[in-house]
Amino acid sequence: MAMTPLDKPLRRELLIDGHSYTLTLDADGLKLAPKGHRKGIDLRWRDLANGDAALATALQASLAQ
């Protein structure tokens, strides 16, 4: 069975603790942002695959404050 390539962004709405978020998956990684906002948390597939996901997420969180 062949897999479908992720050649364009895939967006889905999530409800977390009563707040709406937009999850965007694309060829580079994923992004979670409050609905209606552009800024959010980015996680690159490369970081996830090599184990640097926690470090990348912590760095983004520290820069956002």
N, C-alpha and C. Protein backbone atom coordinates (compact mmCIF):
# COMPACT_ATOMS: atom_id res chain seq x y z
N MET A 1 0.84 -1.17 0.00
CA MET A 1 0.00 0.00 0.00
C MET A 1 0.90 1.25 0.00
N ALA A 2 0.65 2.14 -0.94
CA ALA A 2 1.43 3.37 -1.04
C ALA A 2 0.89 4.44 -0.09
N MET A 3 1.80 5.19 0.47
CA MET A 3 1.42 6.30 1.36
C MET A 3 1.22 7.56 0.53
N THR A 4 0.37 8.44 1.03
CA THR A 4 0.13 9.73 0.38
C THR A 4 1.20 10.71 0.83
N PRO A 5 1.93 11.33 -0.11
CA PRO A 5 2.95 12.30 0.29
C PRO A 5 2.31 13.56 0.90
N LEU A 6 3.03 14.17 1.83
CA LEU A 6 2.57 15.40 2.46
C LEU A 6 3.14 16.56 1.65
N ASP A 7 2.49 16.87 0.53
CA ASP A 7 3.01 17.87 -0.40
C ASP A 7 2.35 19.24 -0.24
N LYS A 8 1.33 19.34 0.60
CA LYS A 8 0.72 20.64 0.91
C LYS A 8 0.29 20.62 2.37
N PRO A 9 0.19 21.78 2.99
CA PRO A 9 -0.15 21.82 4.42
C PRO A 9 -1.52 21.20 4.72
N LEU A 10 -1.58 20.51 5.83
CA LEU A 10 -2.81 19.90 6.31
C LEU A 10 -3.15 20.59 7.63
N ARG A 11 -4.33 21.20 7.70
CA ARG A 11 -4.72 21.95 8.90
C ARG A 11 -5.92 21.30 9.57
N ARG A 12 -5.85 21.24 10.88
CA ARG A 12 -6.96 20.71 11.67
C ARG A 12 -7.14 21.56 12.92
N GLU A 13 -8.38 21.65 13.38
CA GLU A 13 -8.68 22.41 14.60
C GLU A 13 -8.70 21.45 15.78
N LEU A 14 -8.12 21.89 16.89
CA LEU A 14 -8.10 21.12 18.12
C LEU A 14 -8.73 21.93 19.23
N LEU A 15 -9.37 21.27 20.16
CA LEU A 15 -9.91 21.93 21.34
C LEU A 15 -9.13 21.38 22.53
N ILE A 16 -8.34 22.26 23.20
CA ILE A 16 -7.52 21.87 24.34
C ILE A 16 -7.91 22.74 25.52
N ASP A 17 -8.41 22.10 26.57
CA ASP A 17 -8.85 22.82 27.78
C ASP A 17 -9.79 23.97 27.47
N GLY A 18 -10.70 23.76 26.53
CA GLY A 18 -11.69 24.77 26.19
C GLY A 18 -11.21 25.86 25.24
N HIS A 19 -9.97 25.78 24.77
CA HIS A 19 -9.42 26.77 23.85
C HIS A 19 -9.18 26.13 22.48
N SER A 20 -9.48 26.87 21.41
CA SER A 20 -9.30 26.36 20.06
C SER A 20 -7.88 26.63 19.56
N TYR A 21 -7.29 25.63 18.94
CA TYR A 21 -5.96 25.72 18.36
C TYR A 21 -6.01 25.20 16.93
N THR A 22 -5.06 25.66 16.13
CA THR A 22 -4.90 25.14 14.78
C THR A 22 -3.60 24.36 14.72
N LEU A 23 -3.70 23.11 14.27
CA LEU A 23 -2.54 22.25 14.07
C LEU A 23 -2.28 22.20 12.58
N THR A 24 -1.08 22.57 12.16
CA THR A 24 -0.71 22.53 10.75
C THR A 24 0.45 21.56 10.58
N LEU A 25 0.25 20.58 9.71
CA LEU A 25 1.29 19.62 9.34
C LEU A 25 1.74 19.93 7.93
N ASP A 26 3.05 20.03 7.72
CA ASP A 26 3.58 20.20 6.37
C ASP A 26 4.86 19.39 6.24
N ALA A 27 5.52 19.50 5.11
CA ALA A 27 6.72 18.70 4.84
C ALA A 27 7.87 19.03 5.79
N ASP A 28 7.88 20.23 6.38
CA ASP A 28 8.96 20.64 7.29
C ASP A 28 8.72 20.19 8.73
N GLY A 29 7.45 20.12 9.16
CA GLY A 29 7.16 19.76 10.54
C GLY A 29 5.72 20.07 10.90
N LEU A 30 5.51 20.40 12.16
CA LEU A 30 4.17 20.74 12.62
C LEU A 30 4.20 22.06 13.37
N LYS A 31 3.03 22.71 13.42
CA LYS A 31 2.90 23.97 14.13
C LYS A 31 1.57 23.95 14.86
N LEU A 32 1.61 24.34 16.13
CA LEU A 32 0.40 24.45 16.94
C LEU A 32 0.28 25.90 17.40
N ALA A 33 -0.83 26.54 17.03
CA ALA A 33 -1.03 27.95 17.36
C ALA A 33 -2.47 28.18 17.80
N PRO A 34 -2.68 29.13 18.69
CA PRO A 34 -4.06 29.47 19.04
C PRO A 34 -4.82 29.87 17.78
N LYS A 35 -6.06 29.45 17.69
CA LYS A 35 -6.84 29.73 16.49
C LYS A 35 -6.93 31.23 16.25
N GLY A 36 -6.67 31.63 15.01
CA GLY A 36 -6.71 33.03 14.65
C GLY A 36 -5.38 33.75 14.82
N HIS A 37 -4.35 33.04 15.26
CA HIS A 37 -3.03 33.63 15.47
C HIS A 37 -1.99 32.91 14.61
N ARG A 38 -0.94 33.62 14.26
CA ARG A 38 0.13 33.03 13.46
C ARG A 38 1.24 32.45 14.32
N LYS A 39 1.50 33.10 15.44
CA LYS A 39 2.59 32.64 16.31
C LYS A 39 2.13 31.43 17.11
N GLY A 40 3.03 30.46 17.20
CA GLY A 40 2.73 29.25 17.95
C GLY A 40 4.01 28.47 18.15
N ILE A 41 3.86 27.20 18.41
CA ILE A 41 5.02 26.34 18.62
C ILE A 41 5.28 25.54 17.36
N ASP A 42 6.52 25.64 16.86
CA ASP A 42 6.95 24.88 15.69
C ASP A 42 7.81 23.71 16.13
N LEU A 43 7.61 22.58 15.50
CA LEU A 43 8.44 21.41 15.75
C LEU A 43 8.81 20.81 14.41
N ARG A 44 10.08 20.82 14.09
CA ARG A 44 10.56 20.29 12.82
C ARG A 44 10.71 18.78 12.90
N TRP A 45 10.37 18.09 11.80
CA TRP A 45 10.49 16.63 11.75
C TRP A 45 11.93 16.20 12.04
N ARG A 46 12.89 16.97 11.55
CA ARG A 46 14.31 16.66 11.75
C ARG A 46 14.63 16.61 13.25
N ASP A 47 14.12 17.59 14.02
CA ASP A 47 14.36 17.63 15.46
C ASP A 47 13.69 16.45 16.16
N LEU A 48 12.50 16.11 15.71
CA LEU A 48 11.79 14.98 16.30
C LEU A 48 12.52 13.67 16.01
N ALA A 49 13.00 13.50 14.80
CA ALA A 49 13.66 12.26 14.39
C ALA A 49 15.00 12.06 15.09
N ASN A 50 15.75 13.13 15.36
CA ASN A 50 17.07 12.95 15.96
C ASN A 50 17.07 13.16 17.47
N GLY A 51 15.89 13.32 18.07
CA GLY A 51 15.80 13.41 19.52
C GLY A 51 15.96 14.80 20.09
N ASP A 52 16.05 15.82 19.25
CA ASP A 52 16.22 17.19 19.73
C ASP A 52 14.89 17.92 19.92
N ALA A 53 13.78 17.21 19.87
CA ALA A 53 12.46 17.85 19.95
C ALA A 53 12.26 18.58 21.26
N ALA A 54 12.61 17.98 22.36
CA ALA A 54 12.43 18.64 23.67
C ALA A 54 13.28 19.89 23.77
N LEU A 55 14.50 19.80 23.29
CA LEU A 55 15.39 20.96 23.33
C LEU A 55 14.86 22.09 22.46
N ALA A 56 14.40 21.77 21.26
CA ALA A 56 13.88 22.78 20.35
C ALA A 56 12.63 23.45 20.92
N THR A 57 11.76 22.66 21.53
CA THR A 57 10.52 23.20 22.12
C THR A 57 10.85 24.10 23.32
N ALA A 58 11.79 23.68 24.15
CA ALA A 58 12.16 24.49 25.32
C ALA A 58 12.78 25.80 24.87
N LEU A 59 13.59 25.78 23.84
CA LEU A 59 14.22 26.99 23.33
C LEU A 59 13.18 27.95 22.80
N GLN A 60 12.22 27.45 22.04
CA GLN A 60 11.15 28.32 21.52
C GLN A 60 10.34 28.93 22.65
N ALA A 61 10.03 28.14 23.67
CA ALA A 61 9.25 28.65 24.79
C ALA A 61 10.00 29.75 25.54
N SER A 62 11.31 29.60 25.67
CA SER A 62 12.09 30.62 26.37
C SER A 62 12.20 31.91 25.55
N LEU A 63 12.22 31.79 24.23
CA LEU A 63 12.28 32.96 23.37
C LEU A 63 10.96 33.70 23.28
N ALA A 64 9.85 33.00 23.48
CA ALA A 64 8.53 33.59 23.36
C ALA A 64 8.17 34.45 24.56
N GLN A 65 8.86 34.27 25.67
CA GLN A 65 8.49 35.02 26.87
C GLN A 65 9.09 36.38 26.92
